[in-house]
C-alpha atoms as a PDB file:
ATOM      1  CA  MET A   1     -92.044 -23.236   8.869  1.00  0.00           C
ATOM      2  CA  SER A   2     -89.593 -25.155  10.056  1.00  0.00           C
ATOM      3  CA  VAL A   3     -87.707 -24.164  13.807  1.00  0.00           C
ATOM      4  CA  GLU A   4     -84.379 -23.377  11.792  1.00  0.00           C
ATOM      5  CA  GLU A   5     -86.520 -20.379  10.416  1.00  0.00           C
ATOM      6  CA  HIS A   6     -87.548 -19.349  13.978  1.00  0.00           C
ATOM      7  CA  SER A   7     -84.235 -19.517  15.413  1.00  0.00           C
ATOM      8  CA  ALA A   8     -82.136 -16.790  16.158  1.00  0.00           C
ATOM      9  CA  TRP A   9     -78.790 -15.825  18.181  1.00  0.00           C
ATOM     10  CA  TYR A  10     -79.405 -14.754  21.764  1.00  0.00           C
ATOM     11  CA  CYS A  11     -77.027 -13.801  24.575  1.00  0.00           C
ATOM     12  CA  LEU A  12     -77.217 -15.591  27.467  1.00  0.00           C
ATOM     13  CA  ARG A  13     -76.118 -14.780  31.460  1.00  0.00           C
ATOM     14  CA  THR A  14     -74.101 -17.707  33.060  1.00  0.00           C
ATOM     15  CA  GLN A  15     -73.087 -18.086  36.806  1.00  0.00           C
ATOM     16  CA  THR A  16     -69.549 -16.791  37.157  1.00  0.00           C
ATOM     17  CA  LYS A  17     -66.674 -18.764  35.613  1.00  0.00           C
ATOM     18  CA  ARG A  18     -69.207 -21.615  34.834  1.00  0.00           C
ATOM     19  CA  GLU A  19     -69.694 -20.695  31.068  1.00  0.00           C
ATOM     20  CA  HIS A  20     -68.170 -23.989  29.402  1.00  0.00           C
ATOM     21  CA  ILE A  21     -70.472 -25.553  31.765  1.00  0.00           C
ATOM     22  CA  ALA A  22     -74.027 -24.219  30.993  1.00  0.00           C
ATOM     23  CA  ALA A  23     -72.388 -24.631  27.032  1.00  0.00           C
ATOM     24  CA  GLY A  24     -72.398 -28.400  28.000  1.00  0.00           C
ATOM     25  CA  HIS A  25     -75.620 -28.402  29.407  1.00  0.00           C
ATOM     26  CA  LEU A  26     -77.190 -26.360  26.768  1.00  0.00           C
ATOM     27  CA  ARG A  27     -75.450 -28.761  23.588  1.00  0.00           C
ATOM     28  CA  GLU A  28     -77.803 -31.242  25.227  1.00  0.00           C
ATOM     29  CA  LEU A  29     -80.797 -29.834  24.685  1.00  0.00           C
ATOM     30  CA  GLU A  30     -82.278 -30.556  20.759  1.00  0.00           C
ATOM     31  CA  GLY A  31     -82.903 -27.310  18.789  1.00  0.00           C
ATOM     32  CA  ILE A  32     -79.925 -25.193  20.327  1.00  0.00           C
ATOM     33  CA  GLU A  33     -76.330 -24.488  18.788  1.00  0.00           C
ATOM     34  CA  VAL A  34     -74.413 -23.214  21.534  1.00  0.00           C
ATOM     35  CA  PHE A  35     -71.296 -20.957  20.558  1.00  0.00           C
ATOM     36  CA  CYS A  36     -68.544 -20.276  23.872  1.00  0.00           C
ATOM     37  CA  PRO A  37     -65.238 -19.335  22.845  1.00  0.00           C
ATOM     38  CA  ARG A  38     -62.659 -18.792  24.797  1.00  0.00           C
ATOM     39  CA  LEU A  39     -59.072 -17.762  24.712  1.00  0.00           C
ATOM     40  CA  ARG A  40     -55.732 -19.667  25.244  1.00  0.00           C
ATOM     41  CA  TYR A  41     -52.398 -18.030  26.420  1.00  0.00           C
ATOM     42  CA  ARG A  42     -49.311 -18.694  27.796  1.00  0.00           C
ATOM     43  CA  LYS A  43     -48.604 -16.573  31.382  1.00  0.00           C
ATOM     44  CA  ALA A  44     -45.699 -15.905  33.485  1.00  0.00           C
ATOM     45  CA  THR A  45     -46.293 -17.350  37.094  1.00  0.00           C
ATOM     46  CA  ARG A  46     -44.196 -17.572  40.350  1.00  0.00           C
ATOM     47  CA  ARG A  47     -44.615 -21.883  39.583  1.00  0.00           C
ATOM     48  CA  GLY A  48     -43.157 -20.566  35.530  1.00  0.00           C
ATOM     49  CA  LYS A  49     -45.107 -20.399  32.268  1.00  0.00           C
ATOM     50  CA  ILE A  50     -48.856 -22.091  32.352  1.00  0.00           C
ATOM     51  CA  TRP A  51     -51.417 -22.000  29.641  1.00  0.00           C
ATOM     52  CA  TRP A  52     -54.608 -20.005  31.169  1.00  0.00           C
ATOM     53  CA  VAL A  53     -57.930 -20.826  28.946  1.00  0.00           C
ATOM     54  CA  GLU A  54     -60.581 -18.372  29.469  1.00  0.00           C
ATOM     55  CA  PRO A  55     -63.844 -17.280  28.163  1.00  0.00           C
ATOM     56  CA  LEU A  56     -63.817 -14.696  25.726  1.00  0.00           C
ATOM     57  CA  PHE A  57     -67.253 -12.928  27.109  1.00  0.00           C
ATOM     58  CA  PRO A  58     -67.017 -14.008  30.898  1.00  0.00           C
ATOM     59  CA  GLY A  59     -70.019 -14.592  31.962  1.00  0.00           C
ATOM     60  CA  TYR A  60     -71.884 -14.899  28.602  1.00  0.00           C
ATOM     61  CA  VAL A  61     -72.395 -17.538  25.903  1.00  0.00           C
ATOM     62  CA  LEU A  62     -74.117 -16.990  22.860  1.00  0.00           C
ATOM     63  CA  ALA A  63     -77.053 -19.810  21.320  1.00  0.00           C
ATOM     64  CA  ARG A  64     -78.665 -20.171  18.459  1.00  0.00           C
ATOM     65  CA  PHE A  65     -82.995 -21.250  19.188  1.00  0.00           C
ATOM     66  CA  ASP A  66     -86.476 -20.604  19.063  1.00  0.00           C
ATOM     67  CA  LEU A  67     -87.283 -18.075  21.408  1.00  0.00           C
ATOM     68  CA  ASP A  68     -90.821 -18.919  21.511  1.00  0.00           C
ATOM     69  CA  GLN A  69     -90.290 -22.381  21.879  1.00  0.00           C
ATOM     70  CA  LEU A  70     -87.372 -23.021  24.026  1.00  0.00           C
ATOM     71  CA  GLU A  71     -87.319 -19.565  25.883  1.00  0.00           C
ATOM     72  CA  ARG A  72     -88.188 -22.014  29.518  1.00  0.00           C
ATOM     73  CA  ALA A  73     -85.865 -24.580  28.611  1.00  0.00           C
ATOM     74  CA  VAL A  74     -82.707 -22.511  28.082  1.00  0.00           C
ATOM     75  CA  THR A  75     -83.357 -19.959  31.296  1.00  0.00           C
ATOM     76  CA  PHE A  76     -83.766 -23.197  33.300  1.00  0.00           C
ATOM     77  CA  CYS A  77     -80.706 -24.955  32.253  1.00  0.00           C
ATOM     78  CA  GLN A  78     -77.781 -25.577  34.788  1.00  0.00           C
ATOM     79  CA  GLY A  79     -75.147 -23.045  34.495  1.00  0.00           C
ATOM     80  CA  VAL A  80     -77.819 -20.384  32.868  1.00  0.00           C
ATOM     81  CA  ARG A  81     -78.611 -17.573  34.922  1.00  0.00           C
ATOM     82  CA  GLY A  82     -80.672 -16.106  31.997  1.00  0.00           C
ATOM     83  CA  LEU A  83     -81.145 -14.039  28.893  1.00  0.00           C
ATOM     84  CA  VAL A  84     -79.787 -10.618  28.557  1.00  0.00           C
ATOM     85  CA  ARG A  85     -82.251  -8.392  27.864  1.00  0.00           C
ATOM     86  CA  PHE A  86     -83.138  -4.315  27.545  1.00  0.00           C
ATOM     87  CA  GLY A  87     -86.030  -3.945  29.307  1.00  0.00           C
ATOM     88  CA  GLY A  88     -88.865  -6.462  28.432  1.00  0.00           C
ATOM     89  CA  GLN A  89     -86.843  -6.859  24.866  1.00  0.00           C
ATOM     90  CA  VAL A  90     -85.232  -9.742  24.261  1.00  0.00           C
ATOM     91  CA  PRO A  91     -82.306  -8.708  21.890  1.00  0.00           C
ATOM     92  CA  THR A  92     -80.618 -10.919  18.791  1.00  0.00           C
ATOM     93  CA  VAL A  93     -77.549 -11.417  18.029  1.00  0.00           C
ATOM     94  CA  PRO A  94     -76.522 -10.493  14.692  1.00  0.00           C
ATOM     95  CA  GLN A  95     -75.935 -13.928  12.207  1.00  0.00           C
ATOM     96  CA  SER A  96     -73.137 -12.036  10.622  1.00  0.00           C
ATOM     97  CA  PHE A  97     -71.294 -10.896  14.474  1.00  0.00           C
ATOM     98  CA  VAL A  98     -70.999 -14.813  15.710  1.00  0.00           C
ATOM     99  CA  ASN A  99     -70.072 -15.787  11.585  1.00  0.00           C
ATOM    100  CA  VAL A 100     -66.934 -13.621  11.853  1.00  0.00           C
ATOM    101  CA  LEU A 101     -65.789 -15.280  15.506  1.00  0.00           C
ATOM    102  CA  HIS A 102     -66.491 -18.738  14.117  1.00  0.00           C
ATOM    103  CA  ALA A 103     -64.504 -17.385  10.912  1.00  0.00           C
ATOM    104  CA  GLU A 104     -61.688 -15.926  12.895  1.00  0.00           C
ATOM    105  CA  ILE A 105     -61.253 -19.298  15.060  1.00  0.00           C
ATOM    106  CA  SER A 106     -61.536 -22.057  12.702  1.00  0.00           C
ATOM    107  CA  GLU A 107     -59.275 -20.142  10.281  1.00  0.00           C
ATOM    108  CA  ARG A 108     -56.506 -20.941  13.327  1.00  0.00           C
ATOM    109  CA  GLU A 109     -57.450 -23.663  15.454  1.00  0.00           C
ATOM    110  CA  ALA A 110     -59.184 -26.126  13.267  1.00  0.00           C
ATOM    111  CA  SER A 111     -58.211 -28.748  16.391  1.00  0.00           C
ATOM    112  CA  GLU A 112     -59.301 -27.253  19.645  1.00  0.00           C
ATOM    113  CA  GLY A 113     -63.347 -26.209  18.955  1.00  0.00           C
ATOM    114  CA  ASP A 114     -63.834 -23.082  20.105  1.00  0.00           C
ATOM    115  CA  VAL A 115     -60.541 -22.053  21.468  1.00  0.00           C
ATOM    116  CA  LEU A 116     -58.284 -19.507  20.314  1.00  0.00           C
ATOM    117  CA  THR A 117     -54.486 -19.833  20.819  1.00  0.00           C
ATOM    118  CA  VAL A 118     -53.091 -16.217  21.226  1.00  0.00           C
ATOM    119  CA  ALA A 119     -49.091 -15.600  20.969  1.00  0.00           C
ATOM    120  CA  PRO A 120     -47.681 -12.452  21.889  1.00  0.00           C
ATOM    121  CA  VAL A 121     -46.355 -10.607  19.122  1.00  0.00           C
ATOM    122  CA  ILE A 122     -43.425  -8.635  18.739  1.00  0.00           C
ATOM    123  CA  ASP A 123     -41.113  -7.347  16.084  1.00  0.00           C
ATOM    124  CA  GLN A 124     -37.459  -6.484  16.056  1.00  0.00           C
ATOM    125  CA  GLY A 125     -37.360  -2.720  16.700  1.00  0.00           C
ATOM    126  CA  GLU A 126     -39.822  -2.357  18.872  1.00  0.00           C
ATOM    127  CA  GLU A 127     -39.539  -0.751  22.409  1.00  0.00           C
ATOM    128  CA  VAL A 128     -40.601  -2.566  25.385  1.00  0.00           C
ATOM    129  CA  GLU A 129     -40.182  -2.361  28.947  1.00  0.00           C
ATOM    130  CA  VAL A 130     -38.791  -5.014  31.068  1.00  0.00           C
ATOM    131  CA  ALA A 131     -41.651  -6.271  33.676  1.00  0.00           C
ATOM    132  CA  THR A 132     -39.792  -8.672  35.767  1.00  0.00           C
ATOM    133  CA  GLY A 133     -36.249  -9.223  37.458  1.00  0.00           C
ATOM    134  CA  PRO A 134     -33.407  -7.280  37.635  1.00  0.00           C
ATOM    135  CA  PHE A 135     -33.855  -4.899  34.768  1.00  0.00           C
ATOM    136  CA  ARG A 136     -37.312  -4.278  35.730  1.00  0.00           C
ATOM    137  CA  GLY A 137     -38.744  -0.395  34.623  1.00  0.00           C
ATOM    138  CA  MET A 138     -35.964  -0.472  32.382  1.00  0.00           C
ATOM    139  CA  LYS A 139     -36.874   0.208  28.615  1.00  0.00           C
ATOM    140  CA  GLY A 140     -34.849  -0.818  25.811  1.00  0.00           C
ATOM    141  CA  THR A 141     -35.258  -2.105  22.008  1.00  0.00           C
ATOM    142  CA  VAL A 142     -36.136  -5.722  20.624  1.00  0.00           C
ATOM    143  CA  VAL A 143     -32.742  -6.708  18.642  1.00  0.00           C
ATOM    144  CA  SER A 144     -33.469 -11.032  17.868  1.00  0.00           C
ATOM    145  CA  ILE A 145     -36.480 -12.819  18.406  1.00  0.00           C
ATOM    146  CA  ALA A 146     -35.853 -16.606  19.451  1.00  0.00           C
ATOM    147  CA  PRO A 147     -40.045 -18.039  19.434  1.00  0.00           C
ATOM    148  CA  ALA A 148     -39.558 -21.554  19.977  1.00  0.00           C
ATOM    149  CA  ALA A 149     -37.040 -20.581  23.010  1.00  0.00           C
ATOM    150  CA  GLU A 150     -39.228 -17.981  23.935  1.00  0.00           C
ATOM    151  CA  ARG A 151     -36.774 -15.514  24.118  1.00  0.00           C
ATOM    152  CA  VAL A 152     -35.890 -12.185  23.102  1.00  0.00           C
ATOM    153  CA  LYS A 153     -32.565  -9.962  23.428  1.00  0.00           C
ATOM    154  CA  VAL A 154     -33.348  -6.343  24.017  1.00  0.00           C
ATOM    155  CA  LEU A 155     -30.783  -3.438  24.044  1.00  0.00           C
ATOM    156  CA  LEU A 156     -30.597  -1.667  27.033  1.00  0.00           C
ATOM    157  CA  GLU A 157     -28.288   1.238  28.386  1.00  0.00           C
ATOM    158  CA  PHE A 158     -26.619  -0.293  31.321  1.00  0.00           C
ATOM    159  CA  LEU A 159     -23.882   1.607  32.894  1.00  0.00           C
ATOM    160  CA  GLY A 160     -23.335   4.249  30.405  1.00  0.00           C
ATOM    161  CA  GLN A 161     -23.069   1.886  27.640  1.00  0.00           C
ATOM    162  CA  GLU A 162     -25.913   0.114  25.189  1.00  0.00           C
ATOM    163  CA  GLN A 163     -25.674  -3.577  26.109  1.00  0.00           C
ATOM    164  CA  ALA A 164     -27.975  -6.519  24.261  1.00  0.00           C
ATOM    165  CA  VAL A 165     -29.521  -8.606  27.225  1.00  0.00           C
ATOM    166  CA  ASP A 166     -30.878 -11.813  26.539  1.00  0.00           C
ATOM    167  CA  LEU A 167     -34.597 -11.997  28.613  1.00  0.00           C
ATOM    168  CA  ASP A 168     -37.421 -14.249  28.656  1.00  0.00           C
ATOM    169  CA  LEU A 169     -40.011 -13.220  26.311  1.00  0.00           C
ATOM    170  CA  PHE A 170     -42.753 -13.409  29.437  1.00  0.00           C
ATOM    171  CA  SER A 171     -40.572 -11.216  31.570  1.00  0.00           C
ATOM    172  CA  ILE A 172     -41.295  -7.772  28.776  1.00  0.00           C
ATOM    173  CA  LEU A 173     -43.904  -5.596  28.343  1.00  0.00           C
ATOM    174  CA  MET A 174     -45.107  -5.649  24.813  1.00  0.00           C
ATOM    175  CA  PRO A 175     -46.055  -2.813  22.979  1.00  0.00           C
ATOM    176  CA  ARG A 176     -49.633  -1.450  22.136  1.00  0.00           C
ATOM    177  CA  ARG A 177     -50.786  -2.201  18.923  1.00  0.00           C
ATOM    178  CA  PRO A 178     -53.463   0.182  17.330  1.00  0.00           C
ATOM    179  CA  ARG A 179     -56.714  -2.004  16.586  1.00  0.00           C
ATOM    180  CA  PRO A 180     -57.245  -2.429  12.699  1.00  0.00           C
END
């Protein structure tokens, strides 16, 4: 039997904010496949809009290996705190779960490895709330969207009448969407 037949996916705990470092060192070991999915999104800050990259599972990475042969090497790899255990058991992560994550990421972002870029999704007619600026706290309806300019026009009731106000896409609170 080959090593491939005995390998399975496991969840590993990593040092805080060191998931990518642990993943890099694990990739250097022979017989280990690593999956460390990360989210890339834009966030409005005082300095302006910046891109943030954060792990999908903070403090954890997924690795496929033969537990009997490589447990010690994996456990003592730089950045790894240990295997996730329940009592004395080390549970496996289903291959189907990893396949779905891989498919979701590769479907959207073929060139960036394990990084999934998340963009705000908003439609005309949706009810939103202004989060920043002079209209903070006011609720209105989206009239138009200019995704390239990252702008949105919202119909707000102001001074007794409705006004279409042009706002930064990142200055509004997006409506909650039900999960599919």
